[in-house]
N, C-alpha and C. Protein backbone atom coordinates (compact mmCIF):
# COMPACT_ATOMS: atom_id res chain seq x y z
N MET A 1 -26.86 -2.23 29.28
CA MET A 1 -25.40 -1.97 29.52
C MET A 1 -24.43 -2.65 28.43
N LYS A 2 -24.83 -3.94 27.91
CA LYS A 2 -24.17 -4.54 26.85
C LYS A 2 -24.10 -3.65 25.41
N ALA A 3 -25.26 -3.07 25.20
CA ALA A 3 -25.40 -2.27 23.96
C ALA A 3 -24.52 -1.17 24.12
N ILE A 4 -24.40 -0.61 25.25
CA ILE A 4 -23.56 0.70 25.41
C ILE A 4 -21.91 0.42 25.15
N SER A 5 -21.67 -0.79 25.66
CA SER A 5 -20.12 -1.14 25.58
C SER A 5 -19.91 -1.59 24.07
N GLN A 6 -20.94 -2.15 23.35
CA GLN A 6 -20.59 -2.55 22.07
C GLN A 6 -20.52 -1.13 21.01
N THR A 7 -21.48 -0.27 21.50
CA THR A 7 -21.49 1.12 20.53
C THR A 7 -20.17 1.86 20.83
N ASP A 8 -19.64 1.75 21.84
CA ASP A 8 -18.31 2.34 22.58
C ASP A 8 -17.28 1.82 21.67
N THR A 9 -17.17 0.62 21.66
CA THR A 9 -16.31 -0.31 20.84
C THR A 9 -16.19 0.16 19.41
N LEU A 10 -17.45 0.10 18.92
CA LEU A 10 -17.77 0.23 17.28
C LEU A 10 -17.31 1.69 17.02
N GLU A 11 -17.75 2.69 17.86
CA GLU A 11 -17.32 4.06 17.75
C GLU A 11 -15.76 4.24 17.70
N LYS A 12 -15.14 3.58 18.54
CA LYS A 12 -13.61 3.71 18.67
C LYS A 12 -13.11 3.02 17.40
N LYS A 13 -13.52 1.87 16.81
CA LYS A 13 -13.10 1.31 15.75
C LYS A 13 -13.33 2.23 14.48
N ILE A 14 -14.44 2.82 14.47
CA ILE A 14 -14.71 3.77 13.39
C ILE A 14 -13.67 4.86 13.53
N ILE A 15 -13.87 5.49 14.59
CA ILE A 15 -12.44 6.54 14.63
C ILE A 15 -11.24 6.26 14.16
N LYS A 16 -10.86 4.93 14.56
CA LYS A 16 -9.56 4.45 14.13
C LYS A 16 -9.25 4.31 12.46
N VAL A 17 -10.35 3.74 12.06
CA VAL A 17 -10.30 3.77 10.51
C VAL A 17 -10.37 5.05 9.98
N ILE A 18 -11.13 5.96 10.29
CA ILE A 18 -11.04 7.25 9.73
C ILE A 18 -9.81 7.83 9.92
N LYS A 19 -9.05 7.64 11.02
CA LYS A 19 -7.83 8.49 11.22
C LYS A 19 -6.75 7.63 10.28
N GLU A 20 -6.95 6.42 10.19
CA GLU A 20 -5.80 5.75 9.20
C GLU A 20 -6.15 6.07 7.79
N THR A 21 -7.37 6.25 7.42
CA THR A 21 -7.74 6.58 6.02
C THR A 21 -7.28 8.10 5.78
N ILE A 22 -7.43 9.01 6.79
CA ILE A 22 -7.05 10.27 6.55
C ILE A 22 -5.41 10.36 6.38
N LYS A 23 -4.61 9.62 7.20
CA LYS A 23 -3.26 9.59 7.11
C LYS A 23 -2.90 9.09 5.90
N GLU A 24 -3.36 8.09 5.44
CA GLU A 24 -3.01 7.54 3.98
C GLU A 24 -3.30 8.33 2.94
N GLU A 25 -4.40 9.08 2.98
CA GLU A 25 -4.70 10.08 2.06
C GLU A 25 -3.85 11.20 2.01
N LEU A 26 -3.35 11.86 3.07
CA LEU A 26 -2.49 12.78 3.11
C LEU A 26 -1.10 12.39 2.62
N MET A 27 -0.71 11.22 2.92
CA MET A 27 0.46 10.63 2.51
C MET A 27 0.56 10.67 0.84
N ASN A 28 -0.60 10.11 0.25
CA ASN A 28 -0.70 10.22 -1.16
C ASN A 28 -0.80 11.72 -1.72
N PHE A 29 -1.46 12.52 -1.05
CA PHE A 29 -1.58 13.81 -1.26
C PHE A 29 -0.19 14.48 -1.51
N ARG A 30 0.63 14.37 -0.51
CA ARG A 30 2.13 14.79 -0.37
C ARG A 30 2.87 14.38 -1.56
N THR A 31 2.83 13.06 -1.72
CA THR A 31 3.66 12.49 -2.84
C THR A 31 3.30 12.97 -4.20
N GLU A 32 1.93 13.35 -4.54
CA GLU A 32 1.60 13.85 -5.82
C GLU A 32 2.15 15.32 -5.94
N PHE A 33 2.51 16.09 -4.94
CA PHE A 33 2.82 17.49 -5.22
C PHE A 33 4.47 17.44 -4.98
N ILE A 34 5.14 16.32 -4.74
CA ILE A 34 6.65 16.54 -4.55
C ILE A 34 7.15 16.72 -5.96
N PRO A 35 7.92 17.63 -6.24
CA PRO A 35 8.36 17.67 -7.65
C PRO A 35 9.45 16.69 -8.11
N TYR A 36 9.71 16.26 -9.36
CA TYR A 36 10.33 15.36 -9.72
C TYR A 36 11.82 16.10 -10.06
N ILE A 37 12.81 15.40 -9.74
CA ILE A 37 14.13 16.08 -9.95
C ILE A 37 15.04 14.93 -10.59
N SER A 38 15.42 15.22 -11.90
CA SER A 38 16.20 14.43 -12.69
C SER A 38 17.47 14.09 -12.13
N ASP A 39 18.39 13.06 -12.45
CA ASP A 39 19.78 12.93 -11.87
C ASP A 39 20.55 14.08 -12.23
N GLU A 40 20.43 14.57 -13.57
CA GLU A 40 21.22 15.47 -13.97
C GLU A 40 21.01 16.98 -13.22
N GLU A 41 19.81 17.33 -12.87
CA GLU A 41 19.30 18.34 -12.01
C GLU A 41 20.07 18.13 -10.65
N GLN A 42 19.77 16.96 -10.14
CA GLN A 42 20.53 16.68 -8.76
C GLN A 42 21.92 16.98 -8.71
N LYS A 43 22.56 16.54 -9.83
CA LYS A 43 24.09 16.70 -9.72
C LYS A 43 24.36 18.28 -9.73
N GLU A 44 23.50 18.95 -10.61
CA GLU A 44 23.80 20.42 -10.81
C GLU A 44 23.68 21.01 -9.35
N ILE A 45 22.57 20.62 -8.53
CA ILE A 45 22.29 21.12 -7.22
C ILE A 45 23.48 20.89 -6.32
N GLU A 46 24.05 19.72 -6.19
CA GLU A 46 25.11 19.25 -5.63
C GLU A 46 26.42 20.01 -5.87
N LYS A 47 26.39 20.38 -7.08
CA LYS A 47 27.78 20.99 -7.62
C LYS A 47 27.51 22.37 -7.07
N LEU A 48 26.57 23.07 -7.10
CA LEU A 48 26.26 24.56 -6.65
C LEU A 48 26.55 24.65 -5.29
N TYR A 49 25.66 23.69 -4.46
CA TYR A 49 25.82 23.88 -3.02
C TYR A 49 26.46 22.94 -2.25
N LYS A 50 27.23 21.92 -2.89
CA LYS A 50 28.11 21.13 -2.19
C LYS A 50 27.40 20.45 -1.20
N LYS A 51 28.13 19.66 -0.33
CA LYS A 51 27.63 18.72 0.67
C LYS A 51 27.40 19.63 1.93
N PRO A 52 26.18 19.08 2.52
CA PRO A 52 25.74 19.81 3.75
C PRO A 52 26.85 19.83 4.77
N ASN A 53 26.67 21.06 5.47
CA ASN A 53 27.61 21.13 6.80
C ASN A 53 27.58 20.05 7.80
N THR A 54 28.59 19.55 8.23
CA THR A 54 28.50 18.55 9.19
C THR A 54 29.43 18.61 10.62
N ASP A 55 29.58 20.20 10.60
CA ASP A 55 30.24 20.58 11.98
C ASP A 55 29.34 20.27 13.07
N ILE A 56 29.99 19.87 14.17
CA ILE A 56 29.13 19.64 15.41
C ILE A 56 28.98 20.95 16.21
N VAL A 57 27.91 21.03 16.60
CA VAL A 57 27.64 22.33 17.46
C VAL A 57 27.30 21.82 18.87
N LYS A 58 28.02 22.76 19.76
CA LYS A 58 27.79 22.42 21.47
C LYS A 58 27.01 23.60 21.79
N SER A 59 26.17 23.28 22.73
CA SER A 59 25.44 24.17 23.45
C SER A 59 25.58 23.99 24.89
N ARG A 60 25.68 25.10 25.71
CA ARG A 60 25.76 24.93 27.14
C ARG A 60 24.82 26.00 27.84
N LYS A 61 24.10 25.41 28.94
CA LYS A 61 23.30 26.39 29.76
C LYS A 61 24.09 27.12 30.90
N VAL A 62 23.92 28.31 31.00
CA VAL A 62 24.51 29.04 31.93
C VAL A 62 23.51 29.83 32.61
N LYS A 63 23.55 29.63 33.97
CA LYS A 63 22.81 30.32 35.05
C LYS A 63 23.36 31.82 35.18
N ILE A 64 22.42 32.75 35.13
CA ILE A 64 22.79 34.23 35.41
C ILE A 64 22.26 34.53 36.81
């Protein structure tokens, strides 16, 4: 009985470590493929597209 509980806890720890490792590797992978944008390029983008729209939108549910 004791051996079964030890293997269960060991299995849970291994699964946790694997999930954490995959999460870290995915974060690293994503940062590798984010393109670099220079300050000059960012200013040009802001000039072209201006600031994001900040209008507040309301929604209502209506029973029909």
